């Protein structure tokens, strides 16, 4: 039996794959990148913290 967090993680990964597939269908050149892989394996708070560090002035 999957936990709520595992279900949430699987949903987020599926959502990201579907989004990339829809972009490809619309004709956008979508290549798997390091950022996409990190987004699928990182929590939302980790991604936000990384973006804050990246864009901090």
C-alpha atoms as a PDB file:
ATOM      1  CA  UNK A   1       0.000   0.000   0.000  1.00  0.00           C
ATOM      2  CA  UNK A   2       1.357   3.412  -0.979  1.00  0.00           C
ATOM      3  CA  UNK A   3       1.567   6.268   1.471  1.00  0.00           C
ATOM      4  CA  UNK A   4       0.086   9.671   0.711  1.00  0.00           C
ATOM      5  CA  UNK A   5       3.585  11.069   0.031  1.00  0.00           C
ATOM      6  CA  UNK A   6       4.377   8.247  -2.406  1.00  0.00           C
ATOM      7  CA  UNK A   7       1.094   8.814  -4.219  1.00  0.00           C
ATOM      8  CA  UNK A   8       1.793  12.544  -4.360  1.00  0.00           C
ATOM      9  CA  UNK A   9       5.270  11.921  -5.750  1.00  0.00           C
ATOM     10  CA  UNK A  10       3.992   9.576  -8.428  1.00  0.00           C
ATOM     11  CA  UNK A  11       1.290  12.059  -9.381  1.00  0.00           C
ATOM     12  CA  UNK A  12       3.799  14.908  -9.684  1.00  0.00           C
ATOM     13  CA  UNK A  13       6.089  12.771 -11.861  1.00  0.00           C
ATOM     14  CA  UNK A  14       3.174  11.737 -14.093  1.00  0.00           C
ATOM     15  CA  UNK A  15       1.999  15.343 -14.317  1.00  0.00           C
ATOM     16  CA  UNK A  16       5.474  16.490 -15.405  1.00  0.00           C
ATOM     17  CA  UNK A  17       5.744  13.743 -18.045  1.00  0.00           C
ATOM     18  CA  UNK A  18       2.303  14.592 -19.418  1.00  0.00           C
ATOM     19  CA  UNK A  19       3.162  18.284 -19.569  1.00  0.00           C
ATOM     20  CA  UNK A  20       6.372  17.604 -21.511  1.00  0.00           C
ATOM     21  CA  UNK A  21       4.474  15.276 -23.860  1.00  0.00           C
ATOM     22  CA  UNK A  22       1.826  17.923 -24.519  1.00  0.00           C
ATOM     23  CA  UNK A  23       4.546  20.474 -25.308  1.00  0.00           C
ATOM     24  CA  UNK A  24       6.084  18.048 -27.793  1.00  0.00           C
ATOM     25  CA  UNK A  25       2.695  17.539 -29.439  1.00  0.00           C
ATOM     26  CA  UNK A  26       2.401  21.305 -29.843  1.00  0.00           C
ATOM     27  CA  UNK A  27       5.757  21.341 -31.654  1.00  0.00           C
ATOM     28  CA  UNK A  28       8.075  22.565 -28.920  1.00  0.00           C
ATOM     29  CA  UNK A  29      11.533  21.041 -28.747  1.00  0.00           C
ATOM     30  CA  UNK A  30      11.607  19.439 -25.323  1.00  0.00           C
ATOM     31  CA  UNK A  31      14.785  17.702 -24.251  1.00  0.00           C
ATOM     32  CA  UNK A  32      15.164  16.000 -20.889  1.00  0.00           C
ATOM     33  CA  UNK A  33      17.354  18.285 -18.835  1.00  0.00           C
ATOM     34  CA  UNK A  34      18.953  18.207 -15.445  1.00  0.00           C
ATOM     35  CA  UNK A  35      16.386  20.680 -14.144  1.00  0.00           C
ATOM     36  CA  UNK A  36      13.459  18.367 -15.076  1.00  0.00           C
ATOM     37  CA  UNK A  37      15.058  15.394 -13.379  1.00  0.00           C
ATOM     38  CA  UNK A  38      15.695  17.455 -10.257  1.00  0.00           C
ATOM     39  CA  UNK A  39      12.116  18.704 -10.258  1.00  0.00           C
ATOM     40  CA  UNK A  40      10.805  15.150 -10.283  1.00  0.00           C
ATOM     41  CA  UNK A  41      12.991  14.056  -7.388  1.00  0.00           C
ATOM     42  CA  UNK A  42      12.949  17.194  -5.219  1.00  0.00           C
ATOM     43  CA  UNK A  43      10.231  18.378  -2.924  1.00  0.00           C
ATOM     44  CA  UNK A  44       8.434  21.618  -3.676  1.00  0.00           C
ATOM     45  CA  UNK A  45      10.129  23.416  -0.787  1.00  0.00           C
ATOM     46  CA  UNK A  46      13.579  22.279  -1.992  1.00  0.00           C
ATOM     47  CA  UNK A  47      12.843  23.567  -5.491  1.00  0.00           C
ATOM     48  CA  UNK A  48      11.639  26.926  -4.127  1.00  0.00           C
ATOM     49  CA  UNK A  49      14.731  27.285  -1.926  1.00  0.00           C
ATOM     50  CA  UNK A  50      17.003  26.478  -4.876  1.00  0.00           C
ATOM     51  CA  UNK A  51      15.256  29.049  -7.086  1.00  0.00           C
ATOM     52  CA  UNK A  52      15.518  31.682  -4.351  1.00  0.00           C
ATOM     53  CA  UNK A  53      19.276  31.056  -4.091  1.00  0.00           C
ATOM     54  CA  UNK A  54      19.651  31.082  -7.872  1.00  0.00           C
ATOM     55  CA  UNK A  55      17.857  34.403  -8.357  1.00  0.00           C
ATOM     56  CA  UNK A  56      18.980  36.176  -5.174  1.00  0.00           C
ATOM     57  CA  UNK A  57      20.666  39.505  -5.776  1.00  0.00           C
END
